[in-house]
N, C-alpha and C. Protein backbone atom coordinates (compact mmCIF):
# COMPACT_ATOMS: atom_id res chain seq x y z
N UNK A 1 145.42 -140.78 247.36
CA UNK A 1 146.36 -141.64 248.10
C UNK A 1 147.58 -140.72 247.30
N UNK A 2 148.37 -140.74 247.37
CA UNK A 2 149.35 -140.88 246.39
C UNK A 2 149.80 -142.40 245.92
N UNK A 3 150.31 -142.75 245.53
CA UNK A 3 150.93 -143.88 244.87
C UNK A 3 152.16 -143.90 244.70
N UNK A 4 153.63 -144.89 244.47
CA UNK A 4 154.29 -144.92 244.06
C UNK A 4 154.68 -146.26 244.13
N UNK A 5 155.50 -146.33 242.55
CA UNK A 5 156.54 -148.00 242.34
C UNK A 5 157.79 -147.68 243.01
N UNK A 6 158.37 -148.40 243.98
CA UNK A 6 159.61 -148.83 244.32
C UNK A 6 160.41 -149.54 243.45
N UNK A 7 161.59 -149.54 242.53
CA UNK A 7 162.76 -150.98 242.17
C UNK A 7 163.37 -150.51 242.94
N UNK A 8 164.01 -151.66 243.55
CA UNK A 8 164.98 -151.63 244.70
C UNK A 8 164.70 -151.68 245.84
N UNK A 9 163.67 -152.10 246.21
CA UNK A 9 162.84 -151.33 247.09
C UNK A 9 163.93 -152.42 248.55
N UNK A 10 164.79 -153.27 248.56
CA UNK A 10 165.13 -153.44 249.51
C UNK A 10 167.14 -153.07 249.84
N UNK A 11 166.98 -151.80 248.83
CA UNK A 11 168.10 -151.63 248.93
C UNK A 11 168.87 -150.70 250.18
N UNK A 12 169.44 -149.66 250.41
CA UNK A 12 169.71 -148.82 251.15
C UNK A 12 168.86 -147.53 251.25
N UNK A 13 168.73 -147.09 249.29
CA UNK A 13 168.39 -146.10 249.24
C UNK A 13 166.80 -146.17 249.11
N UNK A 14 166.37 -147.63 248.34
CA UNK A 14 165.31 -147.79 248.45
C UNK A 14 164.39 -148.06 248.71
N UNK A 15 164.98 -148.91 250.29
CA UNK A 15 164.16 -148.77 251.63
C UNK A 15 163.58 -147.59 251.88
N UNK A 16 164.65 -146.76 252.15
CA UNK A 16 164.72 -145.62 252.90
C UNK A 16 163.66 -144.68 251.44
N UNK A 17 163.78 -144.69 251.49
CA UNK A 17 162.31 -144.03 250.36
C UNK A 17 161.09 -144.41 250.18
N UNK A 18 161.40 -145.58 250.18
CA UNK A 18 160.01 -146.70 250.54
C UNK A 18 159.61 -146.33 252.40
N UNK A 19 160.26 -145.88 253.03
CA UNK A 19 159.62 -145.61 254.44
C UNK A 19 159.12 -144.49 254.13
N UNK A 20 159.77 -143.84 253.60
CA UNK A 20 159.84 -141.68 253.79
C UNK A 20 157.91 -141.41 253.37
N UNK A 21 158.38 -142.47 251.79
CA UNK A 21 157.17 -141.94 250.95
C UNK A 21 156.04 -142.77 252.15
N UNK A 22 155.92 -144.07 252.59
CA UNK A 22 154.74 -144.91 253.47
C UNK A 22 154.66 -143.51 254.57
N UNK A 23 155.72 -142.93 255.02
CA UNK A 23 154.82 -142.64 256.45
C UNK A 23 154.73 -140.78 256.29
N UNK A 24 154.53 -140.32 254.79
CA UNK A 24 153.35 -139.13 254.05
C UNK A 24 152.59 -140.00 253.81
N UNK A 25 151.96 -141.31 253.64
CA UNK A 25 150.75 -141.87 253.31
C UNK A 25 150.64 -142.07 252.46
N UNK A 26 151.62 -142.35 251.31
CA UNK A 26 151.42 -143.47 250.36
C UNK A 26 151.76 -144.80 250.24
N UNK A 27 150.78 -144.68 249.12
CA UNK A 27 150.50 -145.94 249.45
C UNK A 27 151.51 -146.63 248.23
N UNK A 28 152.72 -147.65 248.56
CA UNK A 28 153.73 -147.58 247.77
C UNK A 28 154.10 -149.12 247.31
N UNK A 29 154.49 -149.32 245.94
CA UNK A 29 154.37 -150.60 245.63
C UNK A 29 155.66 -151.24 245.68
N UNK A 30 156.54 -152.07 246.23
CA UNK A 30 157.70 -151.99 246.43
C UNK A 30 158.71 -153.05 245.94
N UNK A 31 159.48 -153.21 244.62
CA UNK A 31 159.96 -154.77 244.12
C UNK A 31 161.30 -154.57 243.72
N UNK A 32 161.92 -155.97 244.11
CA UNK A 32 163.09 -156.22 244.59
C UNK A 32 163.63 -157.62 244.14
N UNK A 33 165.18 -157.62 243.61
CA UNK A 33 165.56 -158.93 243.79
C UNK A 33 165.15 -159.81 244.79
N UNK A 34 165.70 -159.48 245.94
CA UNK A 34 165.99 -160.20 246.79
C UNK A 34 164.95 -160.60 247.95
N UNK A 35 163.94 -160.47 247.38
CA UNK A 35 162.28 -160.11 247.99
C UNK A 35 161.29 -160.68 247.06
N UNK A 36 161.44 -160.13 245.97
CA UNK A 36 160.64 -160.84 244.52
C UNK A 36 161.11 -161.10 243.27
N UNK A 37 162.35 -161.32 243.39
CA UNK A 37 162.49 -162.05 242.23
C UNK A 37 162.44 -161.16 240.90
N UNK A 38 163.03 -159.81 241.23
CA UNK A 38 163.34 -159.08 239.71
C UNK A 38 164.36 -158.83 240.10
N UNK A 39 164.82 -159.30 238.66
CA UNK A 39 166.08 -159.26 238.29
C UNK A 39 166.02 -158.32 236.98
N UNK A 40 166.22 -157.26 237.12
CA UNK A 40 166.75 -156.16 235.76
C UNK A 40 167.85 -156.47 234.75
N UNK A 41 168.57 -157.44 234.76
CA UNK A 41 169.10 -157.70 233.81
C UNK A 41 169.26 -158.48 232.52
N UNK A 42 167.25 -159.28 233.37
CA UNK A 42 166.44 -160.09 232.68
C UNK A 42 165.17 -159.37 231.91
N UNK A 43 164.97 -159.34 230.58
CA UNK A 43 164.00 -158.37 230.31
C UNK A 43 162.85 -159.50 230.84
N UNK A 44 162.70 -161.04 230.40
CA UNK A 44 161.63 -161.35 230.58
C UNK A 44 161.30 -161.04 232.50
N UNK A 45 162.02 -161.42 233.15
CA UNK A 45 161.76 -161.06 234.57
C UNK A 45 161.20 -159.29 234.64
N UNK A 46 161.47 -158.62 234.46
CA UNK A 46 160.94 -157.12 234.63
C UNK A 46 159.99 -156.96 233.82
N UNK A 47 159.59 -157.54 232.06
CA UNK A 47 158.05 -157.41 231.98
C UNK A 47 156.94 -158.13 233.37
N UNK A 48 157.83 -159.49 233.28
CA UNK A 48 156.47 -160.09 234.29
C UNK A 48 156.29 -159.37 235.89
N UNK A 49 157.48 -158.76 235.71
CA UNK A 49 157.02 -158.24 237.40
C UNK A 49 156.41 -156.82 237.17
N UNK A 50 156.01 -155.81 236.09
CA UNK A 50 155.89 -154.94 235.93
C UNK A 50 154.20 -155.44 235.09
N UNK A 51 153.67 -156.56 234.99
CA UNK A 51 152.81 -156.51 234.14
C UNK A 51 151.25 -156.69 234.89
N UNK A 52 150.73 -155.74 234.79
CA UNK A 52 149.11 -155.33 235.44
C UNK A 52 149.35 -153.70 236.32
N UNK A 53 150.68 -153.58 236.77
CA UNK A 53 150.95 -152.64 237.70
C UNK A 53 150.28 -151.01 236.79
N UNK A 54 150.13 -150.51 238.23
CA UNK A 54 150.15 -148.82 237.27
C UNK A 54 148.46 -148.44 237.26
N UNK A 55 148.48 -147.13 236.79
CA UNK A 55 149.64 -145.75 237.07
C UNK A 55 149.61 -145.64 238.47
N UNK A 56 151.27 -144.74 238.30
CA UNK A 56 151.68 -144.83 239.57
C UNK A 56 151.77 -143.18 239.95
N UNK A 57 151.82 -142.32 240.54
CA UNK A 57 152.22 -140.75 240.85
C UNK A 57 153.87 -140.65 240.94
N UNK A 58 154.17 -142.10 240.71
CA UNK A 58 155.84 -141.78 240.94
C UNK A 58 156.41 -143.31 240.67
N UNK A 59 156.88 -143.24 240.31
CA UNK A 59 158.18 -144.40 239.69
C UNK A 59 159.14 -143.74 240.10
N UNK A 60 160.39 -144.89 240.50
CA UNK A 60 161.20 -144.60 241.03
C UNK A 60 162.14 -146.09 240.70
N UNK A 61 163.10 -145.26 240.12
CA UNK A 61 164.08 -146.55 240.50
C UNK A 61 165.91 -146.69 240.95
N UNK A 62 165.86 -147.40 241.64
CA UNK A 62 166.76 -147.38 242.52
C UNK A 62 168.03 -148.53 242.98
N UNK A 63 167.92 -149.84 241.66
CA UNK A 63 168.77 -150.29 242.26
C UNK A 63 169.91 -150.28 241.47
N UNK A 64 170.82 -150.61 241.94
CA UNK A 64 172.27 -150.63 240.42
C UNK A 64 173.46 -150.52 241.63
N UNK A 65 174.35 -150.63 240.64
CA UNK A 65 175.84 -151.39 241.61
C UNK A 65 176.58 -150.72 241.08
N UNK A 66 177.93 -150.46 242.27
CA UNK A 66 178.85 -149.90 241.74
C UNK A 66 180.42 -151.11 241.70
N UNK A 67 179.79 -152.23 242.55
CA UNK A 67 181.31 -153.42 242.28
C UNK A 67 179.81 -154.22 242.10
N UNK A 68 180.56 -155.29 240.52
CA UNK A 68 179.31 -156.16 240.25
C UNK A 68 180.24 -157.46 240.13
N UNK A 69 180.67 -158.71 240.82
CA UNK A 69 180.91 -159.71 240.70
C UNK A 69 182.33 -159.63 241.54
N UNK A 70 182.40 -158.86 242.19
CA UNK A 70 183.64 -158.55 242.67
C UNK A 70 184.93 -158.17 241.75
N UNK A 71 183.63 -157.12 240.66
CA UNK A 71 184.60 -156.59 239.99
C UNK A 71 184.23 -154.92 240.33
N UNK A 72 185.48 -154.34 240.89
CA UNK A 72 185.57 -153.50 241.51
C UNK A 72 186.03 -152.11 240.59
N UNK A 73 185.71 -150.64 240.61
CA UNK A 73 186.06 -149.58 239.45
C UNK A 73 187.36 -149.70 239.29
N UNK A 74 187.34 -149.62 238.29
CA UNK A 74 188.48 -149.52 237.29
C UNK A 74 189.52 -148.51 237.94
N UNK A 75 190.36 -148.55 238.31
CA UNK A 75 191.71 -147.24 238.82
C UNK A 75 191.84 -146.36 236.96
N UNK A 76 191.92 -147.24 236.04
CA UNK A 76 192.93 -146.64 234.74
C UNK A 76 191.95 -147.58 234.00
N UNK A 77 192.11 -146.91 232.40
CA UNK A 77 191.21 -147.43 231.74
C UNK A 77 192.72 -148.92 231.43
N UNK A 78 193.84 -149.47 231.75
CA UNK A 78 194.45 -150.43 231.71
C UNK A 78 193.74 -151.12 232.04
N UNK A 79 193.60 -151.20 233.06
CA UNK A 79 192.15 -151.98 234.04
C UNK A 79 190.80 -152.59 233.40
N UNK A 80 190.58 -152.07 231.95
CA UNK A 80 189.11 -152.75 231.54
C UNK A 80 189.06 -154.02 231.43
N UNK A 81 187.81 -153.99 232.23
CA UNK A 81 187.37 -156.27 231.15
C UNK A 81 186.26 -155.82 230.86
N UNK A 82 186.35 -156.91 229.76
CA UNK A 82 184.90 -156.30 228.98
C UNK A 82 183.98 -157.18 229.65
N UNK A 83 183.73 -158.05 230.73
CA UNK A 83 182.75 -158.81 231.16
C UNK A 83 182.29 -157.79 232.06
N UNK A 84 183.50 -157.55 232.76
CA UNK A 84 182.97 -156.47 234.40
C UNK A 84 181.81 -155.29 233.63
N UNK A 85 182.46 -154.46 232.27
CA UNK A 85 181.77 -153.61 231.93
C UNK A 85 179.94 -153.72 231.22
N UNK A 86 180.17 -155.30 230.88
CA UNK A 86 179.20 -155.57 230.07
C UNK A 86 177.88 -155.68 231.10
N UNK A 87 178.41 -156.25 232.86
CA UNK A 87 177.84 -156.28 233.98
C UNK A 87 176.99 -154.98 234.39
N UNK A 88 178.08 -154.11 234.02
CA UNK A 88 177.87 -152.70 234.36
C UNK A 88 176.09 -151.93 233.79
N UNK A 89 176.29 -152.61 232.41
CA UNK A 89 175.59 -151.59 231.56
C UNK A 89 174.27 -152.18 231.21
N UNK A 90 174.33 -153.77 231.73
CA UNK A 90 173.08 -154.62 232.38
C UNK A 90 172.65 -153.97 233.27
N UNK A 91 172.84 -153.87 234.57
CA UNK A 91 172.20 -153.50 235.79
C UNK A 91 172.05 -151.81 235.72
N UNK A 92 172.72 -151.00 235.24
CA UNK A 92 172.89 -149.92 235.21
C UNK A 92 172.18 -149.12 234.53
N UNK A 93 172.53 -149.59 232.88
CA UNK A 93 171.56 -148.38 232.10
C UNK A 93 170.67 -149.18 231.40
N UNK A 94 170.41 -150.50 231.04
CA UNK A 94 170.28 -151.23 230.75
C UNK A 94 168.55 -152.24 231.29
N UNK A 95 168.67 -152.10 232.68
CA UNK A 95 167.48 -152.24 233.79
C UNK A 95 166.98 -151.45 233.94
N UNK A 96 167.15 -150.20 233.89
CA UNK A 96 166.62 -148.84 233.85
C UNK A 96 166.00 -148.56 232.94
N UNK A 97 166.19 -148.61 231.74
CA UNK A 97 165.59 -148.71 230.03
C UNK A 97 164.66 -149.95 230.23
N UNK A 98 164.78 -150.93 230.99
CA UNK A 98 163.91 -151.90 230.49
C UNK A 98 162.18 -151.77 231.08
N UNK A 99 162.29 -151.18 232.46
CA UNK A 99 161.40 -150.04 233.39
C UNK A 99 160.93 -149.27 232.40
N UNK A 100 161.43 -147.97 231.84
CA UNK A 100 161.37 -146.74 230.97
C UNK A 100 160.02 -147.41 230.02
N UNK A 101 160.87 -148.74 229.45
CA UNK A 101 159.90 -149.16 228.32
C UNK A 101 158.47 -149.53 228.97
N UNK A 102 157.93 -149.74 230.02
CA UNK A 102 156.51 -149.64 230.64
C UNK A 102 155.45 -148.17 231.36
N UNK A 103 157.22 -147.13 230.88
CA UNK A 103 156.43 -145.61 231.48
C UNK A 103 155.26 -145.15 231.07
N UNK A 104 155.09 -145.52 229.72
CA UNK A 104 153.79 -144.89 229.43
C UNK A 104 152.35 -145.56 229.87
N UNK A 105 152.69 -146.55 230.79
CA UNK A 105 151.24 -147.48 230.56
C UNK A 105 151.88 -146.91 233.16
N UNK A 106 152.69 -147.36 233.00
CA UNK A 106 153.08 -146.77 234.77
C UNK A 106 152.55 -145.94 234.97
N UNK A 107 152.80 -144.24 234.30
CA UNK A 107 152.37 -143.67 234.56
C UNK A 107 151.04 -142.57 233.59
N UNK A 108 150.13 -142.29 235.06
CA UNK A 108 148.96 -141.57 234.02
C UNK A 108 149.08 -140.70 233.54
N UNK A 109 148.03 -140.89 232.13
CA UNK A 109 148.58 -139.54 231.36
C UNK A 109 147.35 -138.23 231.72
N UNK A 110 146.54 -138.29 232.89
CA UNK A 110 145.58 -137.21 232.81
C UNK A 110 145.97 -136.23 234.27
N UNK A 111 147.62 -137.01 234.93
CA UNK A 111 148.02 -135.75 236.03
C UNK A 111 149.48 -136.08 235.99
N UNK A 112 149.61 -135.19 237.16
CA UNK A 112 151.20 -135.06 236.99
C UNK A 112 151.76 -136.54 237.46
N UNK A 113 152.66 -137.01 236.95
CA UNK A 113 153.64 -138.23 237.03
C UNK A 113 155.09 -137.71 237.09
N UNK A 114 155.80 -138.86 238.38
CA UNK A 114 157.32 -138.68 237.91
C UNK A 114 157.85 -139.77 238.03
N UNK A 115 158.64 -139.84 236.90
CA UNK A 115 159.86 -141.42 236.53
C UNK A 115 161.15 -141.12 237.20
N UNK A 116 161.57 -141.17 238.15
CA UNK A 116 162.93 -141.12 238.78
C UNK A 116 163.65 -142.05 238.35
N UNK A 117 164.89 -141.91 238.41
CA UNK A 117 165.77 -143.07 237.81
C UNK A 117 167.13 -142.32 238.36
N UNK A 118 167.86 -143.30 239.60
CA UNK A 118 168.95 -142.67 240.25
C UNK A 118 169.64 -143.23 239.45
N UNK A 119 171.14 -141.96 239.24
CA UNK A 119 172.00 -142.15 238.63
C UNK A 119 173.41 -141.39 239.00
N UNK A 120 174.72 -141.13 238.64
CA UNK A 120 175.36 -140.66 239.83
C UNK A 120 175.96 -139.32 239.31
N UNK A 121 176.46 -138.24 239.79
CA UNK A 121 177.36 -136.91 239.16
C UNK A 121 178.86 -138.02 238.63
N UNK A 122 179.29 -138.99 239.14
CA UNK A 122 180.63 -139.83 237.55
C UNK A 122 179.63 -139.63 236.54
N UNK A 123 178.47 -139.85 236.43
CA UNK A 123 178.22 -139.73 235.40
C UNK A 123 178.11 -138.96 234.12
N UNK A 124 177.93 -137.92 234.60
CA UNK A 124 178.26 -136.67 233.65
C UNK A 124 179.80 -136.27 232.99
N UNK A 125 179.61 -136.33 231.74
CA UNK A 125 181.00 -135.75 230.99
C UNK A 125 181.35 -134.90 231.24
N UNK A 126 180.77 -133.47 231.23
CA UNK A 126 180.65 -132.52 231.59
C UNK A 126 181.96 -132.41 232.78
N UNK A 127 181.58 -133.08 234.02
CA UNK A 127 181.79 -133.00 235.22
C UNK A 127 183.23 -133.67 235.51
N UNK A 128 183.67 -134.74 234.82
CA UNK A 128 184.46 -135.34 234.55
C UNK A 128 185.81 -134.93 234.41
N UNK A 129 186.61 -134.86 235.88
CA UNK A 129 188.01 -134.09 235.68
C UNK A 129 189.29 -135.35 236.55
N UNK A 130 188.88 -136.06 236.99
CA UNK A 130 189.78 -136.94 237.21
C UNK A 130 190.09 -138.32 236.58
N UNK A 131 188.85 -138.85 235.61
CA UNK A 131 189.19 -140.23 234.98
C UNK A 131 189.10 -141.40 236.27
N UNK A 132 189.56 -142.57 235.62
CA UNK A 132 188.51 -143.29 236.14
C UNK A 132 187.63 -143.90 235.93
N UNK A 133 186.81 -145.62 236.48
CA UNK A 133 186.18 -146.18 237.13
C UNK A 133 185.38 -145.79 235.98
N UNK A 134 185.65 -146.37 235.07
CA UNK A 134 185.19 -146.09 233.50
C UNK A 134 184.40 -146.74 232.94
N UNK A 135 183.99 -147.82 233.48
CA UNK A 135 182.67 -149.01 233.26
C UNK A 135 180.89 -148.29 234.30
N UNK A 136 181.75 -147.68 235.06
CA UNK A 136 180.57 -147.34 235.76
C UNK A 136 180.34 -145.99 235.45
N UNK A 137 181.21 -145.40 235.01
CA UNK A 137 180.93 -143.81 234.47
C UNK A 137 179.96 -143.83 233.71
N UNK A 138 180.37 -144.92 232.34
CA UNK A 138 180.17 -145.14 231.23
C UNK A 138 178.34 -145.06 231.32
N UNK A 139 178.46 -146.45 232.27
CA UNK A 139 176.98 -147.35 232.31
C UNK A 139 175.81 -145.75 232.67
N UNK A 140 176.69 -144.75 233.94
CA UNK A 140 175.35 -144.07 234.19
C UNK A 140 175.42 -142.84 232.81
N UNK A 141 176.08 -142.60 232.45
CA UNK A 141 175.87 -141.68 231.28
C UNK A 141 175.45 -142.14 229.95
N UNK A 142 175.19 -143.75 230.34
CA UNK A 142 174.69 -144.24 229.21
C UNK A 142 172.80 -143.75 229.49
N UNK A 143 172.56 -144.51 230.96
CA UNK A 143 171.17 -143.69 231.18
C UNK A 143 170.82 -142.38 231.49
N UNK A 144 171.65 -141.64 231.45
CA UNK A 144 171.21 -140.28 231.73
C UNK A 144 170.67 -140.14 230.53
N UNK A 145 171.49 -140.89 229.04
CA UNK A 145 171.14 -140.44 227.90
C UNK A 145 169.66 -141.13 227.58
N UNK A 146 169.48 -142.53 228.25
CA UNK A 146 168.38 -143.27 228.05
C UNK A 146 166.83 -142.60 228.64
N UNK A 147 167.10 -141.98 229.77
CA UNK A 147 166.18 -140.93 230.48
C UNK A 147 165.72 -139.76 229.99
N UNK A 148 166.82 -139.19 229.47
CA UNK A 148 166.66 -138.47 228.40
C UNK A 148 165.53 -137.82 227.27
N UNK A 149 165.93 -139.16 226.74
CA UNK A 149 165.80 -140.03 225.54
C UNK A 149 163.89 -140.20 225.61
N UNK A 150 163.95 -140.93 226.80
CA UNK A 150 162.44 -141.76 227.21
C UNK A 150 161.78 -140.15 227.23
N UNK A 151 161.89 -138.89 228.26
CA UNK A 151 161.25 -138.11 228.33
C UNK A 151 160.75 -137.07 227.39
N UNK A 152 161.55 -136.84 225.94
CA UNK A 152 161.12 -136.50 225.15
C UNK A 152 160.20 -136.82 224.51
N UNK A 153 159.69 -138.78 224.44
CA UNK A 153 159.03 -139.63 224.41
C UNK A 153 157.98 -139.46 224.69
N UNK A 154 157.62 -139.67 226.18
CA UNK A 154 156.71 -139.79 226.86
C UNK A 154 155.94 -138.27 226.90
N UNK A 155 156.34 -137.50 226.64
CA UNK A 155 155.73 -136.00 227.13
C UNK A 155 154.84 -135.52 225.39
N UNK A 156 155.05 -136.51 225.11
CA UNK A 156 154.14 -136.46 223.93
C UNK A 156 152.77 -136.96 224.16
N UNK A 157 152.67 -137.73 224.50
CA UNK A 157 151.49 -139.05 225.09
C UNK A 157 151.33 -138.31 226.92
N UNK A 158 152.42 -138.13 227.71
CA UNK A 158 151.92 -137.59 228.98
C UNK A 158 152.56 -136.03 229.00
N UNK A 159 152.03 -135.38 228.85
CA UNK A 159 152.01 -133.93 228.82
C UNK A 159 152.74 -132.86 230.35
N UNK A 160 152.35 -133.60 231.47
CA UNK A 160 152.79 -133.58 232.95
C UNK A 160 153.36 -134.40 233.32
N UNK A 161 153.99 -135.61 232.63
CA UNK A 161 154.46 -136.33 233.05
C UNK A 161 156.39 -135.69 233.44
N UNK A 162 157.21 -136.20 234.41
CA UNK A 162 158.42 -135.85 234.23
C UNK A 162 159.16 -136.65 234.89
N UNK A 163 160.16 -137.00 233.82
CA UNK A 163 161.12 -137.74 233.49
C UNK A 163 162.09 -138.03 233.95
N UNK A 164 163.14 -138.11 234.98
CA UNK A 164 164.58 -137.62 235.17
C UNK A 164 165.70 -138.29 235.95
N UNK A 165 166.14 -138.02 235.66
CA UNK A 165 168.06 -138.73 236.47
C UNK A 165 167.68 -138.29 237.49
N UNK A 166 168.45 -138.61 238.61
CA UNK A 166 168.79 -138.15 240.35
C UNK A 166 169.84 -138.59 240.78
N UNK A 167 170.54 -137.48 241.30
CA UNK A 167 171.93 -137.87 242.00
C UNK A 167 171.84 -137.65 243.41
N UNK A 168 171.54 -138.95 244.55
CA UNK A 168 171.35 -138.65 245.35
C UNK A 168 172.42 -138.36 245.94
N UNK A 169 173.91 -138.07 246.04
CA UNK A 169 175.17 -137.55 246.92
C UNK A 169 175.31 -139.06 247.44
N UNK A 170 176.64 -138.34 247.88
CA UNK A 170 176.97 -139.97 248.68
C UNK A 170 176.23 -140.15 250.13
N UNK A 171 175.92 -141.55 249.46
CA UNK A 171 174.62 -142.09 251.52
C UNK A 171 176.05 -143.37 251.80
N UNK A 172 175.35 -142.82 253.20
CA UNK A 172 175.84 -144.49 253.67
C UNK A 172 174.95 -145.47 253.55
N UNK A 173 175.31 -146.58 252.83
CA UNK A 173 174.69 -147.70 252.65
C UNK A 173 175.61 -149.16 251.95
N UNK A 174 175.77 -150.17 251.86
CA UNK A 174 176.62 -151.31 251.28
C UNK A 174 177.06 -150.84 250.18
N UNK A 175 176.23 -150.34 249.75
CA UNK A 175 176.47 -149.83 247.71
C UNK A 175 178.32 -149.16 248.05
N UNK A 176 178.40 -148.08 249.28
CA UNK A 176 179.44 -147.36 248.78
C UNK A 176 180.61 -147.34 250.04
N UNK A 177 180.09 -148.34 251.13
CA UNK A 177 181.05 -148.51 252.34
C UNK A 177 182.78 -148.75 251.71
N UNK A 178 182.85 -149.58 250.85
CA UNK A 178 183.79 -149.20 250.38
C UNK A 178 184.77 -148.27 250.19
N UNK A 179 184.01 -147.51 249.57
CA UNK A 179 184.49 -146.58 249.01
C UNK A 179 184.84 -144.76 249.66
N UNK A 180 184.07 -144.77 250.41
CA UNK A 180 183.62 -143.42 251.15
C UNK A 180 184.57 -143.06 251.76
N UNK A 181 186.00 -143.78 251.85
CA UNK A 181 186.87 -142.27 252.40
C UNK A 181 186.82 -141.01 253.04
N UNK A 182 187.33 -140.07 253.09
CA UNK A 182 187.15 -139.16 253.53
C UNK A 182 185.58 -138.24 253.02
N UNK A 183 185.26 -139.11 251.64
CA UNK A 183 184.10 -138.21 251.17
C UNK A 183 182.81 -137.92 252.44
N UNK A 184 182.44 -136.99 252.27
CA UNK A 184 180.91 -136.57 253.36
C UNK A 184 179.84 -137.20 253.07
N UNK A 185 179.34 -138.30 254.03
CA UNK A 185 178.08 -138.81 253.32
C UNK A 185 176.91 -138.72 253.98
N UNK A 186 176.00 -139.17 253.75
CA UNK A 186 174.58 -139.27 254.70
C UNK A 186 173.87 -140.17 254.85
N UNK A 187 173.17 -140.39 256.19
CA UNK A 187 172.29 -141.73 255.96
C UNK A 187 171.37 -141.58 255.50
N UNK A 188 171.21 -142.99 254.77
CA UNK A 188 169.73 -143.03 253.35
C UNK A 188 169.06 -142.37 254.04
N UNK A 189 168.09 -142.62 255.15
CA UNK A 189 167.15 -141.80 255.38
C UNK A 189 167.25 -140.65 254.92
N UNK A 190 167.72 -140.04 255.14
CA UNK A 190 168.33 -138.25 254.66
C UNK A 190 168.29 -138.19 253.63
N UNK A 191 168.77 -139.07 252.87
CA UNK A 191 169.25 -138.88 250.93
C UNK A 191 167.87 -138.74 251.00
N UNK A 192 167.16 -139.90 250.51
CA UNK A 192 165.41 -139.97 250.92
C UNK A 192 164.70 -138.39 251.00
N UNK A 193 165.07 -137.93 252.24
CA UNK A 193 164.25 -137.00 252.27
C UNK A 193 164.14 -135.96 251.15
N UNK A 194 165.91 -135.80 251.09
CA UNK A 194 166.28 -134.50 250.26
C UNK A 194 165.60 -135.43 248.57
N UNK A 195 166.07 -135.94 248.37
CA UNK A 195 165.78 -136.84 246.69
C UNK A 195 164.20 -136.28 246.83
N UNK A 196 162.63 -136.97 247.49
CA UNK A 196 161.57 -136.67 247.28
C UNK A 196 161.21 -134.69 247.32
N UNK A 197 162.41 -133.88 248.51
CA UNK A 197 161.57 -132.37 248.19
C UNK A 197 161.68 -132.18 246.85
N UNK A 198 163.31 -133.14 246.24
CA UNK A 198 163.68 -132.26 244.57
C UNK A 198 162.67 -132.86 243.86
N UNK A 199 161.64 -134.31 243.92
CA UNK A 199 161.05 -134.27 242.83
C UNK A 199 159.58 -133.98 243.44
N UNK A 200 159.77 -133.17 244.96
CA UNK A 200 158.16 -132.59 244.88
C UNK A 200 157.92 -131.06 244.25
N UNK A 201 159.06 -130.93 244.35
CA UNK A 201 159.93 -129.59 243.59
C UNK A 201 159.79 -129.23 241.49
N UNK A 202 159.49 -130.39 241.32
CA UNK A 202 159.54 -130.34 239.71
C UNK A 202 158.76 -130.39 239.05
N UNK A 203 159.03 -129.80 237.69
CA UNK A 203 157.77 -128.98 237.28
C UNK A 203 157.77 -130.22 235.30
N UNK A 204 156.72 -129.96 235.02
CA UNK A 204 156.87 -130.42 233.89
C UNK A 204 158.10 -130.07 232.59
N UNK A 205 158.64 -128.81 233.04
CA UNK A 205 159.22 -128.42 231.90
C UNK A 205 161.04 -128.72 232.32
N UNK A 206 160.72 -129.44 233.58
CA UNK A 206 162.22 -129.77 233.59
C UNK A 206 162.86 -131.10 233.40
N UNK A 207 161.45 -132.12 232.62
CA UNK A 207 161.60 -133.17 232.37
C UNK A 207 162.80 -133.32 231.43
N UNK A 208 163.16 -134.95 231.59
CA UNK A 208 164.63 -134.57 230.74
C UNK A 208 166.19 -134.45 231.28
N UNK A 209 165.80 -133.89 232.45
CA UNK A 209 167.15 -133.56 233.24
C UNK A 209 168.06 -134.22 234.40
N UNK A 210 169.07 -133.63 234.56
CA UNK A 210 169.66 -134.14 235.47
C UNK A 210 170.09 -134.06 236.84
N UNK A 211 169.23 -134.06 238.19
CA UNK A 211 169.56 -133.13 238.98
C UNK A 211 169.55 -134.11 240.18
N UNK A 212 171.10 -132.90 240.88
CA UNK A 212 171.21 -133.62 242.46
C UNK A 212 170.32 -133.52 243.37
N UNK A 213 170.78 -133.98 244.26
CA UNK A 213 170.17 -134.10 245.93
C UNK A 213 169.25 -132.79 246.66
N UNK A 214 170.01 -131.71 245.86
CA UNK A 214 169.87 -129.93 246.43
C UNK A 214 169.00 -129.75 245.14
N UNK A 215 168.91 -130.29 244.02
CA UNK A 215 167.88 -129.54 243.13
C UNK A 215 168.61 -128.69 242.21
N UNK A 216 170.34 -129.14 242.14
CA UNK A 216 170.75 -127.93 240.90
C UNK A 216 171.05 -129.07 239.71
N UNK A 217 170.58 -128.27 238.90
CA UNK A 217 171.48 -129.58 237.70
C UNK A 217 172.44 -130.02 237.37
N UNK A 218 172.77 -130.72 236.61
CA UNK A 218 174.36 -131.59 236.88
C UNK A 218 174.17 -131.22 235.11
N UNK A 219 175.43 -131.04 234.50
CA UNK A 219 175.37 -131.11 233.40
C UNK A 219 175.93 -132.41 232.71
N UNK A 220 175.89 -132.85 231.80
CA UNK A 220 175.65 -133.66 230.81
C UNK A 220 177.35 -134.59 230.69
C-alpha cells in the first residue's frame, strides 16, 4: 500500500491532496498546526511531530502563507517591513527546511520516494518581470534553493529519491481569495489531482527541479 505524509493537511491544498491520495487507496498521515499542534516555525515542534515517523512513499509539505499576522504582500520595496519578512522566511522557507532535515529517514532508501514542497512561480527569479511581493518572492526563492540543495545531498544515500519544488497554480483557497482578482483559479481538488499527476510522472533524474502543475520546469 502506498504511504504518504502530508504536512499542512488541514489547509486547502493539503486537505485536497490527502483526500486524493486516500481516494486511490493510500495510507495518509496528516499533520497540521490546527489539528496536531505542528508549528513549522518552531524547531522543537517539528522534531517532536516527525519523531518515529516513516518511511513514506511520498512526503508533501503544503504549509505556507501569503499573508502572515495581517501583513499583506508589499506592492513595492518601499513597503518592506523587517518583521513581516522574517515571518515569511520562518514559515515558507525555514519550516520546509526543518522537515527536509529529516528526509533521510522519512524516505525509503531501497525504492522510489518523493519529497515535494509547495513553492510558487513568483519565487522564480528568472520569471520575475513585475516586481512587488518581495518578502514572499524571496522566501519562495529561498525554499527553491533549499529543495535543490537537499536533493543533491539526498541522492548520495537515496538514489531513487525525488526531491522537488512544486507550483500548484492559482488555487481557490482561503490563502488566495483576497488576491485572485481576474486571475483564473482552479478548485483545490483539481489542483491536487494535477500535482499527483506530476509527482507520479517524475523520475530520479529530475530530482532537485522546480515544476508547475502541468509538469513544466520553471526557471530558477
